[in-house]
Protein backbone atom coordinates (compact mmCIF):
# COMPACT_ATOMS: atom_id res chain seq x y z
CA UNK A 1 0.00 0.00 0.00
CA UNK A 2 1.28 3.43 -0.90
CA UNK A 3 0.39 7.03 -0.17
CA UNK A 4 -2.10 7.26 -3.04
CA UNK A 5 -3.82 3.90 -2.51
CA UNK A 6 -7.34 4.21 -1.11
CA UNK A 7 -8.07 2.41 2.15
CA UNK A 8 -10.99 1.72 4.46
CA UNK A 9 -8.64 1.26 7.42
CA UNK A 10 -9.10 3.57 10.36
CA UNK A 11 -6.85 4.50 13.25
CA UNK A 12 -6.60 6.91 16.14
CA UNK A 13 -3.70 9.34 16.30
CA UNK A 14 -2.32 11.01 19.42
CA UNK A 15 0.62 13.38 19.57
CA UNK A 16 2.23 14.73 22.71
CA UNK A 17 5.30 15.05 24.92
CA UNK A 18 6.64 12.16 26.98
CA UNK A 19 8.14 12.21 30.45
CA UNK A 20 11.48 11.40 28.81
CA UNK A 21 11.56 14.67 26.82
CA UNK A 22 10.55 13.11 23.53
CA UNK A 23 7.61 13.83 21.24
CA UNK A 24 5.45 10.75 20.79
CA UNK A 25 3.22 10.03 17.83
CA UNK A 26 0.97 7.18 18.91
CA UNK A 27 -1.20 5.31 16.42
CA UNK A 28 -3.81 2.76 17.49
CA UNK A 29 -5.61 0.79 14.77
CA UNK A 30 -8.24 -1.91 14.55
CA UNK A 31 -7.11 -5.35 15.63
CA UNK A 32 -5.19 -4.12 18.67
CA UNK A 33 -2.35 -2.63 16.65
CA UNK A 34 -0.48 0.07 18.60
CA UNK A 35 2.48 1.98 17.19
CA UNK A 36 4.28 4.40 19.54
CA UNK A 37 6.92 6.45 17.74
CA UNK A 38 9.23 8.70 19.78
CA UNK A 39 11.17 11.57 18.25
CA UNK A 40 13.67 14.12 19.47
CA UNK A 41 12.12 17.63 19.45
CA UNK A 42 14.16 18.59 16.38
CA UNK A 43 12.93 15.52 14.48
CA UNK A 44 9.34 16.32 15.46
CA UNK A 45 9.74 19.84 14.08
CA UNK A 46 11.03 18.41 10.78
CA UNK A 47 7.97 16.13 10.60
CA UNK A 48 5.69 19.10 11.30
CA UNK A 49 7.38 21.04 8.47
CA UNK A 50 6.82 18.12 6.08
CA UNK A 51 3.13 17.98 7.03
CA UNK A 52 2.78 21.74 6.51
CA UNK A 53 4.53 21.52 3.12
CA UNK A 54 2.24 18.68 2.01
CA UNK A 55 -0.86 20.63 3.08
CA UNK A 56 0.39 23.71 1.23
CA UNK A 57 1.04 21.62 -1.89
CA UNK A 58 -2.47 20.20 -1.78
CA UNK A 59 -3.98 23.67 -1.34
CA UNK A 60 -1.95 25.02 -4.26
CA UNK A 61 -3.06 22.12 -6.46
CA UNK A 62 -6.70 22.61 -5.48
CA UNK A 63 -6.54 26.25 -6.55
CA UNK A 64 -5.24 25.31 -9.99
CA UNK A 65 -8.08 22.85 -10.74
CA UNK A 66 -11.07 24.25 -12.61
CA UNK A 67 -14.33 24.18 -10.69
C-alpha atoms as a PDB file:
ATOM      1  CA  UNK A   1       0.000   0.000   0.000  1.00  0.00           C
ATOM      2  CA  UNK A   2       1.277   3.427  -0.897  1.00  0.00           C
ATOM      3  CA  UNK A   3       0.394   7.031  -0.166  1.00  0.00           C
ATOM      4  CA  UNK A   4      -2.099   7.259  -3.045  1.00  0.00           C
ATOM      5  CA  UNK A   5      -3.817   3.901  -2.506  1.00  0.00           C
ATOM      6  CA  UNK A   6      -7.343   4.207  -1.111  1.00  0.00           C
ATOM      7  CA  UNK A   7      -8.070   2.415   2.146  1.00  0.00           C
ATOM      8  CA  UNK A   8     -10.990   1.723   4.457  1.00  0.00           C
ATOM      9  CA  UNK A   9      -8.639   1.258   7.420  1.00  0.00           C
ATOM     10  CA  UNK A  10      -9.102   3.572  10.363  1.00  0.00           C
ATOM     11  CA  UNK A  11      -6.848   4.503  13.248  1.00  0.00           C
ATOM     12  CA  UNK A  12      -6.599   6.910  16.140  1.00  0.00           C
ATOM     13  CA  UNK A  13      -3.699   9.336  16.304  1.00  0.00           C
ATOM     14  CA  UNK A  14      -2.323  11.011  19.419  1.00  0.00           C
ATOM     15  CA  UNK A  15       0.623  13.383  19.569  1.00  0.00           C
ATOM     16  CA  UNK A  16       2.230  14.733  22.713  1.00  0.00           C
ATOM     17  CA  UNK A  17       5.300  15.049  24.916  1.00  0.00           C
ATOM     18  CA  UNK A  18       6.637  12.156  26.982  1.00  0.00           C
ATOM     19  CA  UNK A  19       8.143  12.207  30.454  1.00  0.00           C
ATOM     20  CA  UNK A  20      11.481  11.401  28.805  1.00  0.00           C
ATOM     21  CA  UNK A  21      11.560  14.674  26.819  1.00  0.00           C
ATOM     22  CA  UNK A  22      10.550  13.108  23.528  1.00  0.00           C
ATOM     23  CA  UNK A  23       7.615  13.834  21.236  1.00  0.00           C
ATOM     24  CA  UNK A  24       5.447  10.752  20.790  1.00  0.00           C
ATOM     25  CA  UNK A  25       3.222  10.027  17.826  1.00  0.00           C
ATOM     26  CA  UNK A  26       0.968   7.185  18.913  1.00  0.00           C
ATOM     27  CA  UNK A  27      -1.200   5.308  16.420  1.00  0.00           C
ATOM     28  CA  UNK A  28      -3.808   2.758  17.493  1.00  0.00           C
ATOM     29  CA  UNK A  29      -5.615   0.792  14.775  1.00  0.00           C
ATOM     30  CA  UNK A  30      -8.240  -1.913  14.553  1.00  0.00           C
ATOM     31  CA  UNK A  31      -7.109  -5.351  15.626  1.00  0.00           C
ATOM     32  CA  UNK A  32      -5.194  -4.123  18.667  1.00  0.00           C
ATOM     33  CA  UNK A  33      -2.347  -2.628  16.651  1.00  0.00           C
ATOM     34  CA  UNK A  34      -0.477   0.071  18.600  1.00  0.00           C
ATOM     35  CA  UNK A  35       2.484   1.978  17.193  1.00  0.00           C
ATOM     36  CA  UNK A  36       4.276   4.397  19.537  1.00  0.00           C
ATOM     37  CA  UNK A  37       6.924   6.455  17.741  1.00  0.00           C
ATOM     38  CA  UNK A  38       9.230   8.697  19.783  1.00  0.00           C
ATOM     39  CA  UNK A  39      11.166  11.572  18.253  1.00  0.00           C
ATOM     40  CA  UNK A  40      13.666  14.124  19.475  1.00  0.00           C
ATOM     41  CA  UNK A  41      12.115  17.626  19.449  1.00  0.00           C
ATOM     42  CA  UNK A  42      14.162  18.590  16.379  1.00  0.00           C
ATOM     43  CA  UNK A  43      12.933  15.523  14.477  1.00  0.00           C
ATOM     44  CA  UNK A  44       9.342  16.317  15.458  1.00  0.00           C
ATOM     45  CA  UNK A  45       9.744  19.836  14.078  1.00  0.00           C
ATOM     46  CA  UNK A  46      11.033  18.406  10.780  1.00  0.00           C
ATOM     47  CA  UNK A  47       7.972  16.132  10.599  1.00  0.00           C
ATOM     48  CA  UNK A  48       5.693  19.098  11.298  1.00  0.00           C
ATOM     49  CA  UNK A  49       7.381  21.041   8.467  1.00  0.00           C
ATOM     50  CA  UNK A  50       6.822  18.119   6.080  1.00  0.00           C
ATOM     51  CA  UNK A  51       3.132  17.976   7.030  1.00  0.00           C
ATOM     52  CA  UNK A  52       2.775  21.736   6.510  1.00  0.00           C
ATOM     53  CA  UNK A  53       4.529  21.522   3.120  1.00  0.00           C
ATOM     54  CA  UNK A  54       2.242  18.677   2.015  1.00  0.00           C
ATOM     55  CA  UNK A  55      -0.859  20.635   3.075  1.00  0.00           C
ATOM     56  CA  UNK A  56       0.387  23.715   1.226  1.00  0.00           C
ATOM     57  CA  UNK A  57       1.036  21.623  -1.886  1.00  0.00           C
ATOM     58  CA  UNK A  58      -2.474  20.200  -1.783  1.00  0.00           C
ATOM     59  CA  UNK A  59      -3.976  23.672  -1.338  1.00  0.00           C
ATOM     60  CA  UNK A  60      -1.946  25.024  -4.262  1.00  0.00           C
ATOM     61  CA  UNK A  61      -3.056  22.125  -6.458  1.00  0.00           C
ATOM     62  CA  UNK A  62      -6.699  22.607  -5.482  1.00  0.00           C
ATOM     63  CA  UNK A  63      -6.545  26.250  -6.553  1.00  0.00           C
ATOM     64  CA  UNK A  64      -5.242  25.307  -9.987  1.00  0.00           C
ATOM     65  CA  UNK A  65      -8.085  22.850 -10.738  1.00  0.00           C
ATOM     66  CA  UNK A  66     -11.071  24.246 -12.612  1.00  0.00           C
ATOM     67  CA  UNK A  67     -14.331  24.177 -10.686  1.00  0.00           C
END
